[in-house]
C-alpha cells in the first residue's frame, strides 16, 4: 500500500470527529465539488448559447 494513501486514510477516518484535519479536508472536498459543479453548469450554458446562435 502506498505510504501517502495510508497516512491520508488514517487521518481522514480517525475516531475523533472534531479533528482539525477532518474539518479542513471536508471543507476542501466541498470546495472542489462546488467549483466542479459551477464549471459544468457554465459550460452547459455556453454550449446552449452557441447552439442557439448558430441555429
C-alpha atoms as a PDB file:
ATOM      1  CA  UNK A   1       0.000   0.000   0.000  1.00  0.00           C
ATOM      2  CA  UNK A   2       1.197   3.490  -0.784  1.00  0.00           C
ATOM      3  CA  UNK A   3       2.524   5.325   2.279  1.00  0.00           C
ATOM      4  CA  UNK A   4       0.816   8.625   1.450  1.00  0.00           C
ATOM      5  CA  UNK A   5      -2.531   6.872   0.910  1.00  0.00           C
ATOM      6  CA  UNK A   6      -2.139   5.026   4.205  1.00  0.00           C
ATOM      7  CA  UNK A   7      -1.440   8.240   6.128  1.00  0.00           C
ATOM      8  CA  UNK A   8      -4.316  10.096   4.434  1.00  0.00           C
ATOM      9  CA  UNK A   9      -6.745   7.286   5.189  1.00  0.00           C
ATOM     10  CA  UNK A  10      -5.546   7.137   8.780  1.00  0.00           C
ATOM     11  CA  UNK A  11      -6.223  10.840   9.363  1.00  0.00           C
ATOM     12  CA  UNK A  12      -9.467  11.025   7.398  1.00  0.00           C
ATOM     13  CA  UNK A  13     -11.125   8.127   9.184  1.00  0.00           C
ATOM     14  CA  UNK A  14      -9.827   8.742  12.678  1.00  0.00           C
ATOM     15  CA  UNK A  15     -12.123   8.192  15.644  1.00  0.00           C
ATOM     16  CA  UNK A  16     -12.143  11.873  16.660  1.00  0.00           C
ATOM     17  CA  UNK A  17     -14.911  13.679  14.821  1.00  0.00           C
ATOM     18  CA  UNK A  18     -13.635  17.184  15.627  1.00  0.00           C
ATOM     19  CA  UNK A  19     -10.138  16.626  14.361  1.00  0.00           C
ATOM     20  CA  UNK A  20      -8.765  19.722  12.588  1.00  0.00           C
ATOM     21  CA  UNK A  21      -7.534  17.662   9.655  1.00  0.00           C
ATOM     22  CA  UNK A  22     -11.011  16.196   9.130  1.00  0.00           C
ATOM     23  CA  UNK A  23     -12.604  19.643   9.146  1.00  0.00           C
ATOM     24  CA  UNK A  24     -10.073  21.085   6.707  1.00  0.00           C
ATOM     25  CA  UNK A  25     -10.378  18.032   4.467  1.00  0.00           C
ATOM     26  CA  UNK A  26     -14.150  18.249   4.318  1.00  0.00           C
ATOM     27  CA  UNK A  27     -14.043  21.980   3.549  1.00  0.00           C
ATOM     28  CA  UNK A  28     -11.599  21.376   0.702  1.00  0.00           C
ATOM     29  CA  UNK A  29     -13.659  18.476  -0.690  1.00  0.00           C
ATOM     30  CA  UNK A  30     -16.814  20.610  -0.677  1.00  0.00           C
ATOM     31  CA  UNK A  31     -14.909  23.484  -2.303  1.00  0.00           C
ATOM     32  CA  UNK A  32     -13.631  21.305  -5.125  1.00  0.00           C
ATOM     33  CA  UNK A  33     -17.097  19.805  -5.614  1.00  0.00           C
ATOM     34  CA  UNK A  34     -18.736  23.248  -5.753  1.00  0.00           C
ATOM     35  CA  UNK A  35     -16.164  24.525  -8.247  1.00  0.00           C
ATOM     36  CA  UNK A  36     -16.655  21.466 -10.448  1.00  0.00           C
ATOM     37  CA  UNK A  37     -20.431  21.870 -10.420  1.00  0.00           C
ATOM     38  CA  UNK A  38     -20.100  25.569 -11.274  1.00  0.00           C
ATOM     39  CA  UNK A  39     -17.778  24.847 -14.203  1.00  0.00           C
ATOM     40  CA  UNK A  40     -20.059  22.128 -15.599  1.00  0.00           C
ATOM     41  CA  UNK A  41     -23.084  24.428 -15.377  1.00  0.00           C
ATOM     42  CA  UNK A  42     -21.203  27.299 -17.018  1.00  0.00           C
ATOM     43  CA  UNK A  43     -20.008  25.125 -19.879  1.00  0.00           C
ATOM     44  CA  UNK A  44     -23.520  23.775 -20.379  1.00  0.00           C
ATOM     45  CA  UNK A  45     -24.956  27.292 -20.592  1.00  0.00           C
ATOM     46  CA  UNK A  46     -22.277  28.422 -23.043  1.00  0.00           C
ATOM     47  CA  UNK A  47     -22.827  25.372 -25.239  1.00  0.00           C
ATOM     48  CA  UNK A  48     -26.552  26.085 -25.220  1.00  0.00           C
ATOM     49  CA  UNK A  49     -25.957  29.694 -26.258  1.00  0.00           C
ATOM     50  CA  UNK A  50     -23.642  28.555 -29.031  1.00  0.00           C
ATOM     51  CA  UNK A  51     -26.254  26.131 -30.360  1.00  0.00           C
ATOM     52  CA  UNK A  52     -28.902  28.852 -30.137  1.00  0.00           C
ATOM     53  CA  UNK A  53     -26.803  31.380 -32.058  1.00  0.00           C
ATOM     54  CA  UNK A  54     -25.621  29.004 -34.768  1.00  0.00           C
ATOM     55  CA  UNK A  55     -29.122  27.664 -35.255  1.00  0.00           C
END
